Amino acid sequence: EIEIVENGMDLREADPSERRMVDEHYDLHGERVLLFVGQMNWKKNIRRILEAMRVLLNRGVEARLIMAGQGPSEKEIRRFVTANGLDGHVTFTGHITDSRVLIGLYARADLFVFPSLYDNAPMVVREAAAVGTPSLLVAGSGAAEVVRDGENGLLTADETASVADRISWALEHPSELRALGQAARRTIPRPWSDVISEVLERYEDL
């Protein structure tokens, strides 16, 4: 019989100095922050995030989108940002090698936005949850399997208006968003020690 063992992720405590470092480095003082972490590749459904950002700005909703990562579509994505008047609202970090910066970004973000239809059980959703940041994912996607809408995260249809509506709601309800983040922290990360024990037991049974 086939058994599925979920990925592990140990809980993390973001040091206040890491948050301050991120604020200073990316000039985020007081801004509401949306975060995407992953390969800069159109297959990650990045266009959906950028289109939603354009809708939000047209509605007068102010937020900064941090795009962390690098990849084959980065130049095209940057051109799309400029062509749609999103310069100043979208920040590209490039590849991050300092784990303190990455943890600081996860902790600083109000919402982790990951509408990928391509990824299966992505680590980034668990990394966000490990520091208490909730995720917005596409309902029915592989990435969304660990999230229950309105309980430990948010789900959306794979439509620009729906993504924009869910982000707008999240930014307008900070206390509810924090509660979702704490629920994500309680329910999504699973210690690696538990995962390894389960895998070892499975191998022994086999």
N, C-alpha and C. Protein backbone atom coordinates (compact mmCIF):
# COMPACT_ATOMS: atom_id res chain seq x y z
N GLU A 1 0.84 -1.20 0.00
CA GLU A 1 0.00 0.00 0.00
C GLU A 1 0.88 1.25 0.00
N ILE A 2 0.37 2.28 -0.67
CA ILE A 2 1.09 3.55 -0.71
C ILE A 2 0.68 4.41 0.48
N GLU A 3 1.67 4.92 1.20
CA GLU A 3 1.42 5.84 2.30
C GLU A 3 2.14 7.15 2.02
N ILE A 4 1.48 8.25 2.31
CA ILE A 4 2.06 9.57 2.08
C ILE A 4 2.56 10.14 3.41
N VAL A 5 3.81 10.55 3.41
CA VAL A 5 4.40 11.21 4.58
C VAL A 5 4.63 12.67 4.22
N GLU A 6 3.98 13.57 4.91
CA GLU A 6 4.10 14.99 4.60
C GLU A 6 5.49 15.52 4.93
N ASN A 7 5.85 16.60 4.25
CA ASN A 7 7.12 17.27 4.55
C ASN A 7 7.12 17.81 5.97
N GLY A 8 8.29 17.92 6.51
CA GLY A 8 8.44 18.46 7.86
C GLY A 8 8.82 19.92 7.84
N MET A 9 8.65 20.57 8.98
CA MET A 9 9.09 21.95 9.17
C MET A 9 9.06 22.25 10.65
N ASP A 10 10.20 22.58 11.19
CA ASP A 10 10.28 22.93 12.61
C ASP A 10 9.81 24.37 12.81
N LEU A 11 9.15 24.61 13.93
CA LEU A 11 8.71 25.97 14.26
C LEU A 11 9.91 26.89 14.39
N ARG A 12 9.69 28.15 14.04
CA ARG A 12 10.76 29.15 14.12
C ARG A 12 10.27 30.37 14.87
N GLU A 13 11.17 30.99 15.55
CA GLU A 13 10.88 32.25 16.22
C GLU A 13 11.68 33.34 15.53
N ALA A 14 11.00 34.27 14.89
CA ALA A 14 11.70 35.36 14.21
C ALA A 14 12.19 36.37 15.25
N ASP A 15 13.47 36.60 15.25
CA ASP A 15 14.05 37.59 16.15
C ASP A 15 13.64 38.98 15.71
N PRO A 16 13.29 39.87 16.65
CA PRO A 16 12.92 41.24 16.26
C PRO A 16 13.99 41.92 15.41
N SER A 17 15.24 41.55 15.64
CA SER A 17 16.32 42.16 14.86
C SER A 17 16.23 41.75 13.39
N GLU A 18 15.71 40.55 13.12
CA GLU A 18 15.55 40.10 11.74
C GLU A 18 14.46 40.90 11.03
N ARG A 19 13.41 41.19 11.75
CA ARG A 19 12.34 42.03 11.18
C ARG A 19 12.85 43.44 10.90
N ARG A 20 13.60 43.98 11.86
CA ARG A 20 14.14 45.34 11.67
C ARG A 20 15.11 45.37 10.49
N MET A 21 15.93 44.33 10.37
CA MET A 21 16.88 44.25 9.27
C MET A 21 16.15 44.27 7.93
N VAL A 22 15.07 43.52 7.84
CA VAL A 22 14.30 43.47 6.60
C VAL A 22 13.63 44.83 6.33
N ASP A 23 13.08 45.44 7.38
CA ASP A 23 12.47 46.76 7.22
C ASP A 23 13.46 47.77 6.66
N GLU A 24 14.67 47.76 7.22
CA GLU A 24 15.70 48.70 6.79
C GLU A 24 16.16 48.40 5.36
N HIS A 25 16.42 47.14 5.10
CA HIS A 25 17.00 46.76 3.82
C HIS A 25 16.05 47.01 2.65
N TYR A 26 14.75 46.74 2.87
CA TYR A 26 13.78 46.90 1.79
C TYR A 26 12.87 48.11 1.97
N ASP A 27 13.20 48.95 2.97
CA ASP A 27 12.48 50.21 3.21
C ASP A 27 10.98 49.95 3.36
N LEU A 28 10.64 49.11 4.32
CA LEU A 28 9.26 48.66 4.50
C LEU A 28 8.53 49.32 5.66
N HIS A 29 9.07 50.37 6.19
CA HIS A 29 8.54 50.94 7.42
C HIS A 29 7.05 51.27 7.32
N GLY A 30 6.26 50.56 8.12
CA GLY A 30 4.83 50.84 8.21
C GLY A 30 3.99 50.29 7.07
N GLU A 31 4.60 49.73 6.04
CA GLU A 31 3.84 49.24 4.89
C GLU A 31 3.24 47.86 5.17
N ARG A 32 2.11 47.61 4.55
CA ARG A 32 1.54 46.27 4.57
C ARG A 32 2.24 45.46 3.49
N VAL A 33 2.61 44.24 3.84
CA VAL A 33 3.50 43.45 2.98
C VAL A 33 2.85 42.15 2.55
N LEU A 34 2.87 41.92 1.25
CA LEU A 34 2.52 40.64 0.66
C LEU A 34 3.80 39.99 0.20
N LEU A 35 3.92 38.69 0.37
CA LEU A 35 5.18 38.00 0.07
C LEU A 35 4.95 36.81 -0.84
N PHE A 36 5.80 36.70 -1.85
CA PHE A 36 5.90 35.49 -2.67
C PHE A 36 7.33 35.01 -2.59
N VAL A 37 7.53 33.73 -2.32
CA VAL A 37 8.86 33.13 -2.30
C VAL A 37 8.84 31.95 -3.26
N GLY A 38 9.73 31.95 -4.22
CA GLY A 38 9.79 30.84 -5.16
C GLY A 38 10.53 31.22 -6.42
N GLN A 39 10.57 30.30 -7.33
CA GLN A 39 11.24 30.53 -8.60
C GLN A 39 10.49 31.58 -9.42
N MET A 40 11.25 32.51 -10.00
CA MET A 40 10.64 33.51 -10.86
C MET A 40 10.35 32.86 -12.22
N ASN A 41 9.21 32.19 -12.27
CA ASN A 41 8.82 31.43 -13.44
C ASN A 41 7.32 31.57 -13.61
N TRP A 42 6.87 31.89 -14.82
CA TRP A 42 5.45 32.09 -15.06
C TRP A 42 4.62 30.89 -14.65
N LYS A 43 5.21 29.68 -14.68
CA LYS A 43 4.44 28.49 -14.34
C LYS A 43 3.98 28.49 -12.88
N LYS A 44 4.55 29.39 -12.08
CA LYS A 44 4.13 29.52 -10.68
C LYS A 44 2.87 30.38 -10.53
N ASN A 45 2.26 30.75 -11.66
CA ASN A 45 1.04 31.57 -11.65
C ASN A 45 1.31 32.97 -11.09
N ILE A 46 2.51 33.47 -11.32
CA ILE A 46 2.90 34.78 -10.83
C ILE A 46 2.06 35.89 -11.47
N ARG A 47 1.68 35.70 -12.72
CA ARG A 47 0.87 36.71 -13.40
C ARG A 47 -0.40 37.02 -12.60
N ARG A 48 -0.96 35.99 -11.96
CA ARG A 48 -2.19 36.18 -11.20
C ARG A 48 -1.96 37.16 -10.03
N ILE A 49 -0.82 37.04 -9.37
CA ILE A 49 -0.51 37.95 -8.26
C ILE A 49 -0.37 39.38 -8.77
N LEU A 50 0.36 39.54 -9.86
CA LEU A 50 0.62 40.88 -10.38
C LEU A 50 -0.66 41.53 -10.91
N GLU A 51 -1.51 40.76 -11.56
CA GLU A 51 -2.79 41.29 -12.01
C GLU A 51 -3.64 41.71 -10.82
N ALA A 52 -3.61 40.92 -9.75
CA ALA A 52 -4.36 41.27 -8.53
C ALA A 52 -3.81 42.54 -7.91
N MET A 53 -2.48 42.71 -7.94
CA MET A 53 -1.88 43.94 -7.41
C MET A 53 -2.38 45.15 -8.20
N ARG A 54 -2.49 45.03 -9.50
CA ARG A 54 -2.98 46.14 -10.33
C ARG A 54 -4.42 46.48 -9.96
N VAL A 55 -5.24 45.46 -9.72
CA VAL A 55 -6.63 45.68 -9.30
C VAL A 55 -6.67 46.40 -7.95
N LEU A 56 -5.84 45.94 -7.02
CA LEU A 56 -5.82 46.54 -5.68
C LEU A 56 -5.43 48.01 -5.73
N LEU A 57 -4.42 48.31 -6.53
CA LEU A 57 -3.97 49.71 -6.64
C LEU A 57 -5.06 50.57 -7.27
N ASN A 58 -5.77 50.03 -8.25
CA ASN A 58 -6.88 50.78 -8.85
C ASN A 58 -7.99 51.04 -7.85
N ARG A 59 -8.10 50.16 -6.85
CA ARG A 59 -9.11 50.34 -5.79
C ARG A 59 -8.60 51.27 -4.68
N GLY A 60 -7.35 51.64 -4.75
CA GLY A 60 -6.77 52.49 -3.71
C GLY A 60 -6.22 51.72 -2.53
N VAL A 61 -6.05 50.40 -2.67
CA VAL A 61 -5.49 49.57 -1.61
C VAL A 61 -3.97 49.59 -1.74
N GLU A 62 -3.29 50.07 -0.71
CA GLU A 62 -1.84 50.19 -0.74
C GLU A 62 -1.18 49.00 -0.05
N ALA A 63 -0.23 48.39 -0.71
CA ALA A 63 0.55 47.29 -0.13
C ALA A 63 1.82 47.13 -0.96
N ARG A 64 2.83 46.56 -0.36
CA ARG A 64 4.06 46.24 -1.07
C ARG A 64 4.13 44.74 -1.30
N LEU A 65 4.41 44.34 -2.51
CA LEU A 65 4.60 42.93 -2.84
C LEU A 65 6.09 42.65 -2.94
N ILE A 66 6.56 41.73 -2.11
CA ILE A 66 7.96 41.30 -2.15
C ILE A 66 8.04 40.00 -2.92
N MET A 67 8.84 39.98 -3.97
CA MET A 67 9.04 38.79 -4.79
C MET A 67 10.44 38.26 -4.51
N ALA A 68 10.54 37.18 -3.77
CA ALA A 68 11.83 36.63 -3.35
C ALA A 68 12.17 35.40 -4.18
N GLY A 69 13.28 35.46 -4.88
CA GLY A 69 13.73 34.34 -5.68
C GLY A 69 14.30 34.79 -7.01
N GLN A 70 14.71 33.84 -7.79
CA GLN A 70 15.22 34.11 -9.12
C GLN A 70 14.72 33.01 -10.06
N GLY A 71 14.87 33.22 -11.36
CA GLY A 71 14.41 32.18 -12.27
C GLY A 71 14.38 32.65 -13.71
N PRO A 72 14.00 31.75 -14.62
CA PRO A 72 14.12 32.01 -16.05
C PRO A 72 13.18 33.08 -16.60
N SER A 73 12.11 33.37 -15.87
CA SER A 73 11.14 34.37 -16.36
C SER A 73 11.32 35.73 -15.70
N GLU A 74 12.38 35.92 -14.94
CA GLU A 74 12.50 37.13 -14.12
C GLU A 74 12.49 38.40 -14.98
N LYS A 75 13.22 38.42 -16.08
CA LYS A 75 13.25 39.62 -16.91
C LYS A 75 11.87 39.95 -17.46
N GLU A 76 11.14 38.92 -17.91
CA GLU A 76 9.79 39.14 -18.42
C GLU A 76 8.86 39.63 -17.32
N ILE A 77 9.00 39.06 -16.13
CA ILE A 77 8.16 39.47 -15.00
C ILE A 77 8.43 40.93 -14.64
N ARG A 78 9.70 41.31 -14.64
CA ARG A 78 10.05 42.71 -14.35
C ARG A 78 9.46 43.65 -15.40
N ARG A 79 9.50 43.24 -16.65
CA ARG A 79 8.92 44.07 -17.71
C ARG A 79 7.41 44.20 -17.53
N PHE A 80 6.77 43.10 -17.12
CA PHE A 80 5.32 43.12 -16.88
C PHE A 80 5.00 44.10 -15.76
N VAL A 81 5.80 44.08 -14.70
CA VAL A 81 5.60 45.00 -13.57
C VAL A 81 5.68 46.44 -14.04
N THR A 82 6.69 46.76 -14.82
CA THR A 82 6.86 48.13 -15.31
C THR A 82 5.72 48.52 -16.25
N ALA A 83 5.36 47.63 -17.17
CA ALA A 83 4.31 47.93 -18.14
C ALA A 83 2.96 48.17 -17.49
N ASN A 84 2.75 47.60 -16.30
CA ASN A 84 1.47 47.73 -15.61
C ASN A 84 1.50 48.74 -14.47
N GLY A 85 2.53 49.57 -14.45
CA GLY A 85 2.59 50.65 -13.48
C GLY A 85 2.78 50.20 -12.05
N LEU A 86 3.44 49.05 -11.87
CA LEU A 86 3.61 48.50 -10.52
C LEU A 86 4.97 48.79 -9.92
N ASP A 87 5.83 49.47 -10.65
CA ASP A 87 7.12 49.85 -10.08
C ASP A 87 6.88 50.69 -8.82
N GLY A 88 7.63 50.44 -7.78
CA GLY A 88 7.42 51.12 -6.52
C GLY A 88 6.49 50.37 -5.59
N HIS A 89 5.74 49.42 -6.15
CA HIS A 89 4.83 48.60 -5.34
C HIS A 89 5.29 47.14 -5.30
N VAL A 90 6.22 46.78 -6.17
CA VAL A 90 6.75 45.42 -6.22
C VAL A 90 8.27 45.49 -6.07
N THR A 91 8.79 44.70 -5.14
CA THR A 91 10.23 44.65 -4.89
C THR A 91 10.76 43.25 -5.17
N PHE A 92 11.79 43.17 -5.98
CA PHE A 92 12.45 41.90 -6.28
C PHE A 92 13.70 41.79 -5.42
N THR A 93 13.83 40.68 -4.73
CA THR A 93 14.99 40.50 -3.84
C THR A 93 16.12 39.74 -4.50
N GLY A 94 15.82 39.00 -5.58
CA GLY A 94 16.82 38.07 -6.11
C GLY A 94 16.94 36.86 -5.19
N HIS A 95 17.95 36.05 -5.45
CA HIS A 95 18.16 34.84 -4.65
C HIS A 95 18.65 35.23 -3.26
N ILE A 96 18.00 34.71 -2.23
CA ILE A 96 18.36 35.01 -0.85
C ILE A 96 19.17 33.86 -0.27
N THR A 97 20.37 34.16 0.17
CA THR A 97 21.25 33.13 0.76
C THR A 97 21.32 33.23 2.27
N ASP A 98 20.92 34.35 2.84
CA ASP A 98 20.97 34.55 4.29
C ASP A 98 19.63 34.12 4.88
N SER A 99 19.65 33.07 5.67
CA SER A 99 18.40 32.55 6.24
C SER A 99 17.73 33.57 7.16
N ARG A 100 18.51 34.45 7.77
CA ARG A 100 17.92 35.47 8.65
C ARG A 100 17.04 36.43 7.85
N VAL A 101 17.47 36.76 6.64
CA VAL A 101 16.68 37.64 5.79
C VAL A 101 15.38 36.95 5.39
N LEU A 102 15.47 35.69 5.02
CA LEU A 102 14.27 34.97 4.60
C LEU A 102 13.28 34.82 5.74
N ILE A 103 13.78 34.46 6.92
CA ILE A 103 12.89 34.34 8.08
C ILE A 103 12.28 35.69 8.41
N GLY A 104 13.11 36.74 8.31
CA GLY A 104 12.61 38.09 8.58
C GLY A 104 11.50 38.49 7.61
N LEU A 105 11.64 38.12 6.34
CA LEU A 105 10.61 38.42 5.36
C LEU A 105 9.31 37.66 5.66
N TYR A 106 9.44 36.38 5.98
CA TYR A 106 8.25 35.61 6.33
C TYR A 106 7.53 36.23 7.53
N ALA A 107 8.32 36.61 8.53
CA ALA A 107 7.72 37.16 9.75
C ALA A 107 7.14 38.55 9.52
N ARG A 108 7.76 39.31 8.64
CA ARG A 108 7.32 40.69 8.38
C ARG A 108 6.06 40.73 7.52
N ALA A 109 5.86 39.71 6.69
CA ALA A 109 4.73 39.70 5.75
C ALA A 109 3.40 39.60 6.49
N ASP A 110 2.44 40.35 6.02
CA ASP A 110 1.07 40.21 6.53
C ASP A 110 0.43 38.96 5.96
N LEU A 111 0.78 38.63 4.70
CA LEU A 111 0.15 37.49 4.03
C LEU A 111 1.13 36.91 3.02
N PHE A 112 1.25 35.59 3.02
CA PHE A 112 2.05 34.89 2.02
C PHE A 112 1.13 34.51 0.87
N VAL A 113 1.43 34.99 -0.32
CA VAL A 113 0.56 34.79 -1.49
C VAL A 113 1.23 33.81 -2.44
N PHE A 114 0.60 32.65 -2.62
CA PHE A 114 1.22 31.59 -3.42
C PHE A 114 0.14 30.89 -4.25
N PRO A 115 -0.23 31.47 -5.41
CA PRO A 115 -1.33 30.91 -6.20
C PRO A 115 -0.90 29.82 -7.18
N SER A 116 0.25 29.21 -6.96
CA SER A 116 0.77 28.21 -7.90
C SER A 116 -0.18 27.02 -8.04
N LEU A 117 -0.40 26.63 -9.29
CA LEU A 117 -1.14 25.40 -9.59
C LEU A 117 -0.18 24.27 -9.92
N TYR A 118 1.11 24.58 -9.89
CA TYR A 118 2.16 23.67 -10.33
C TYR A 118 2.76 22.88 -9.17
N ASP A 119 2.85 23.53 -8.00
CA ASP A 119 3.59 22.93 -6.88
C ASP A 119 2.76 21.92 -6.11
N ASN A 120 3.46 20.93 -5.58
CA ASN A 120 2.84 19.89 -4.77
C ASN A 120 3.49 19.90 -3.40
N ALA A 121 2.71 20.17 -2.35
CA ALA A 121 3.22 20.20 -0.97
C ALA A 121 4.44 21.10 -0.84
N PRO A 122 4.35 22.38 -1.26
CA PRO A 122 5.52 23.26 -1.24
C PRO A 122 6.01 23.56 0.17
N MET A 123 7.32 23.63 0.30
CA MET A 123 7.92 23.94 1.60
C MET A 123 7.63 25.38 2.02
N VAL A 124 7.47 26.28 1.04
CA VAL A 124 7.33 27.70 1.38
C VAL A 124 6.07 27.97 2.21
N VAL A 125 5.01 27.23 1.97
CA VAL A 125 3.79 27.41 2.77
C VAL A 125 4.07 27.01 4.22
N ARG A 126 4.83 25.95 4.40
CA ARG A 126 5.19 25.50 5.74
C ARG A 126 6.17 26.46 6.40
N GLU A 127 7.07 27.01 5.62
CA GLU A 127 8.02 27.99 6.16
C GLU A 127 7.29 29.23 6.66
N ALA A 128 6.31 29.69 5.90
CA ALA A 128 5.52 30.85 6.34
C ALA A 128 4.76 30.52 7.62
N ALA A 129 4.11 29.36 7.64
CA ALA A 129 3.34 28.96 8.82
C ALA A 129 4.22 28.81 10.05
N ALA A 130 5.46 28.39 9.85
CA ALA A 130 6.37 28.15 10.98
C ALA A 130 6.65 29.40 11.78
N VAL A 131 6.49 30.58 11.16
CA VAL A 131 6.68 31.83 11.89
C VAL A 131 5.35 32.55 12.13
N GLY A 132 4.23 31.88 11.81
CA GLY A 132 2.92 32.44 12.11
C GLY A 132 2.35 33.34 11.03
N THR A 133 2.78 33.15 9.77
CA THR A 133 2.24 33.95 8.67
C THR A 133 1.29 33.08 7.84
N PRO A 134 0.05 33.52 7.67
CA PRO A 134 -0.92 32.71 6.91
C PRO A 134 -0.70 32.84 5.41
N SER A 135 -1.19 31.87 4.66
CA SER A 135 -1.03 31.84 3.21
C SER A 135 -2.36 31.99 2.50
N LEU A 136 -2.28 32.58 1.31
CA LEU A 136 -3.41 32.61 0.38
C LEU A 136 -3.06 31.70 -0.79
N LEU A 137 -3.89 30.66 -0.99
CA LEU A 137 -3.62 29.65 -1.99
C LEU A 137 -4.85 29.42 -2.85
N VAL A 138 -4.66 28.79 -3.99
CA VAL A 138 -5.78 28.50 -4.88
C VAL A 138 -6.49 27.23 -4.43
N ALA A 139 -7.79 27.32 -4.22
CA ALA A 139 -8.57 26.17 -3.78
C ALA A 139 -8.44 25.03 -4.80
N GLY A 140 -8.22 23.83 -4.28
CA GLY A 140 -8.11 22.65 -5.12
C GLY A 140 -6.71 22.38 -5.64
N SER A 141 -5.77 23.28 -5.38
CA SER A 141 -4.40 23.06 -5.83
C SER A 141 -3.67 22.14 -4.86
N GLY A 142 -2.56 21.54 -5.33
CA GLY A 142 -1.76 20.69 -4.45
C GLY A 142 -1.18 21.48 -3.29
N ALA A 143 -0.85 22.74 -3.54
CA ALA A 143 -0.28 23.58 -2.49
C ALA A 143 -1.26 23.83 -1.35
N ALA A 144 -2.56 23.77 -1.66
CA ALA A 144 -3.58 24.15 -0.69
C ALA A 144 -4.06 23.01 0.19
N GLU A 145 -3.49 21.83 0.05
CA GLU A 145 -4.01 20.66 0.76
C GLU A 145 -3.96 20.81 2.28
N VAL A 146 -3.01 21.60 2.80
CA VAL A 146 -2.87 21.72 4.25
C VAL A 146 -3.67 22.88 4.83
N VAL A 147 -4.36 23.63 3.96
CA VAL A 147 -5.06 24.84 4.42
C VAL A 147 -6.57 24.64 4.38
N ARG A 148 -7.20 25.06 5.47
CA ARG A 148 -8.66 25.08 5.57
C ARG A 148 -9.09 26.55 5.55
N ASP A 149 -9.87 26.90 4.57
CA ASP A 149 -10.22 28.30 4.35
C ASP A 149 -10.89 28.92 5.57
N GLY A 150 -10.33 30.04 6.00
CA GLY A 150 -10.89 30.75 7.14
C GLY A 150 -10.55 30.17 8.48
N GLU A 151 -9.79 29.06 8.49
CA GLU A 151 -9.40 28.44 9.75
C GLU A 151 -7.89 28.57 9.99
N ASN A 152 -7.09 28.18 9.01
CA ASN A 152 -5.63 28.33 9.17
C ASN A 152 -4.99 28.93 7.91
N GLY A 153 -5.80 29.62 7.13
CA GLY A 153 -5.32 30.27 5.93
C GLY A 153 -6.50 30.71 5.08
N LEU A 154 -6.19 31.14 3.86
CA LEU A 154 -7.23 31.62 2.96
C LEU A 154 -7.11 30.92 1.61
N LEU A 155 -8.25 30.62 1.01
CA LEU A 155 -8.28 30.01 -0.32
C LEU A 155 -9.02 30.94 -1.28
N THR A 156 -8.65 30.85 -2.55
CA THR A 156 -9.24 31.70 -3.57
C THR A 156 -9.47 30.90 -4.84
N ALA A 157 -10.35 31.39 -5.68
CA ALA A 157 -10.46 30.85 -7.02
C ALA A 157 -9.27 31.34 -7.83
N ASP A 158 -8.94 30.62 -8.89
CA ASP A 158 -7.83 31.03 -9.75
C ASP A 158 -8.32 32.11 -10.72
N GLU A 159 -8.75 33.22 -10.14
CA GLU A 159 -9.25 34.35 -10.90
C GLU A 159 -8.70 35.63 -10.28
N THR A 160 -8.33 36.57 -11.12
CA THR A 160 -7.69 37.80 -10.63
C THR A 160 -8.57 38.53 -9.63
N ALA A 161 -9.86 38.68 -9.93
CA ALA A 161 -10.75 39.41 -9.03
C ALA A 161 -10.86 38.71 -7.68
N SER A 162 -10.92 37.39 -7.70
CA SER A 162 -11.02 36.64 -6.45
C SER A 162 -9.76 36.81 -5.61
N VAL A 163 -8.59 36.72 -6.25
CA VAL A 163 -7.33 36.91 -5.52
C VAL A 163 -7.28 38.30 -4.91
N ALA A 164 -7.66 39.31 -5.69
CA ALA A 164 -7.65 40.69 -5.20
C ALA A 164 -8.62 40.86 -4.03
N ASP A 165 -9.81 40.26 -4.15
CA ASP A 165 -10.81 40.37 -3.08
C ASP A 165 -10.30 39.75 -1.78
N ARG A 166 -9.65 38.59 -1.87
CA ARG A 166 -9.17 37.91 -0.67
C ARG A 166 -8.02 38.68 -0.02
N ILE A 167 -7.14 39.23 -0.86
CA ILE A 167 -6.04 40.05 -0.31
C ILE A 167 -6.61 41.29 0.36
N SER A 168 -7.56 41.92 -0.30
CA SER A 168 -8.18 43.13 0.26
C SER A 168 -8.82 42.84 1.61
N TRP A 169 -9.56 41.73 1.69
CA TRP A 169 -10.18 41.36 2.97
C TRP A 169 -9.11 41.15 4.04
N ALA A 170 -8.03 40.46 3.68
CA ALA A 170 -6.98 40.16 4.64
C ALA A 170 -6.36 41.44 5.20
N LEU A 171 -6.10 42.40 4.32
CA LEU A 171 -5.47 43.63 4.76
C LEU A 171 -6.42 44.51 5.57
N GLU A 172 -7.71 44.33 5.36
CA GLU A 172 -8.71 45.11 6.10
C GLU A 172 -9.05 44.48 7.45
N HIS A 173 -8.60 43.25 7.69
CA HIS A 173 -8.91 42.54 8.94
C HIS A 173 -7.63 42.01 9.58
N PRO A 174 -6.79 42.90 10.08
CA PRO A 174 -5.49 42.47 10.62
C PRO A 174 -5.59 41.53 11.81
N SER A 175 -6.57 41.72 12.69
CA SER A 175 -6.67 40.85 13.86
C SER A 175 -7.07 39.44 13.44
N GLU A 176 -8.02 39.34 12.50
CA GLU A 176 -8.41 38.02 12.00
C GLU A 176 -7.25 37.36 11.26
N LEU A 177 -6.48 38.17 10.55
CA LEU A 177 -5.33 37.64 9.81
C LEU A 177 -4.28 37.08 10.76
N ARG A 178 -4.04 37.80 11.85
CA ARG A 178 -3.08 37.30 12.85
C ARG A 178 -3.57 35.99 13.46
N ALA A 179 -4.87 35.89 13.70
CA ALA A 179 -5.42 34.65 14.25
C ALA A 179 -5.23 33.49 13.27
N LEU A 180 -5.42 33.76 11.99
CA LEU A 180 -5.18 32.72 10.98
C LEU A 180 -3.72 32.30 10.99
N GLY A 181 -2.83 33.26 11.16
CA GLY A 181 -1.40 32.94 11.20
C GLY A 181 -1.05 32.06 12.38
N GLN A 182 -1.63 32.35 13.54
CA GLN A 182 -1.35 31.52 14.71
C GLN A 182 -1.94 30.12 14.54
N ALA A 183 -3.10 30.04 13.91
CA ALA A 183 -3.69 28.73 13.64
C ALA A 183 -2.84 27.95 12.65
N ALA A 184 -2.29 28.65 11.64
CA ALA A 184 -1.40 28.00 10.68
C ALA A 184 -0.17 27.46 11.39
N ARG A 185 0.34 28.22 12.33
CA ARG A 185 1.53 27.79 13.08
C ARG A 185 1.26 26.55 13.92
N ARG A 186 0.03 26.46 14.45
CA ARG A 186 -0.33 25.31 15.28
C ARG A 186 -0.58 24.06 14.45
N THR A 187 -1.09 24.22 13.24
CA THR A 187 -1.63 23.07 12.51
C THR A 187 -0.83 22.62 11.29
N ILE A 188 -0.01 23.48 10.72
CA ILE A 188 0.65 23.12 9.46
C ILE A 188 2.06 22.55 9.64
N PRO A 189 2.96 23.22 10.36
CA PRO A 189 4.31 22.65 10.49
C PRO A 189 4.30 21.36 11.30
N ARG A 190 5.11 20.44 10.87
CA ARG A 190 5.27 19.17 11.58
C ARG A 190 6.76 18.95 11.83
N PRO A 191 7.17 18.73 13.06
CA PRO A 191 8.61 18.60 13.35
C PRO A 191 9.28 17.52 12.50
N TRP A 192 10.48 17.80 12.03
CA TRP A 192 11.21 16.82 11.23
C TRP A 192 11.46 15.54 12.00
N SER A 193 11.63 15.65 13.31
CA SER A 193 11.88 14.45 14.10
C SER A 193 10.70 13.48 14.00
N ASP A 194 9.47 14.02 13.97
CA ASP A 194 8.29 13.16 13.82
C ASP A 194 8.25 12.53 12.43
N VAL A 195 8.60 13.32 11.43
CA VAL A 195 8.60 12.81 10.06
C VAL A 195 9.59 11.67 9.91
N ILE A 196 10.80 11.88 10.43
CA ILE A 196 11.84 10.86 10.32
C ILE A 196 11.44 9.59 11.05
N SER A 197 10.83 9.73 12.20
CA SER A 197 10.38 8.55 12.95
C SER A 197 9.35 7.76 12.15
N GLU A 198 8.43 8.48 11.51
CA GLU A 198 7.41 7.81 10.72
C GLU A 198 8.02 7.11 9.50
N VAL A 199 8.96 7.79 8.84
CA VAL A 199 9.61 7.19 7.68
C VAL A 199 10.41 5.95 8.07
N LEU A 200 11.12 6.05 9.18
CA LEU A 200 11.92 4.92 9.66
C LEU A 200 11.01 3.73 9.98
N GLU A 201 9.89 4.00 10.63
CA GLU A 201 8.96 2.93 10.97
C GLU A 201 8.41 2.28 9.70
N ARG A 202 8.15 3.12 8.70
CA ARG A 202 7.62 2.59 7.43
C ARG A 202 8.65 1.68 6.75
N TYR A 203 9.90 2.12 6.71
CA TYR A 203 10.96 1.30 6.13
C TYR A 203 11.10 -0.03 6.87
N GLU A 204 11.03 0.02 8.19
CA GLU A 204 11.16 -1.20 8.97
C GLU A 204 10.01 -2.16 8.68
N ASP A 205 8.80 -1.61 8.54
CA ASP A 205 7.65 -2.44 8.20
C ASP A 205 7.83 -3.10 6.84
N LEU A 206 8.34 -2.34 5.88
CA LEU A 206 8.54 -2.87 4.54
C LEU A 206 9.59 -3.97 4.53
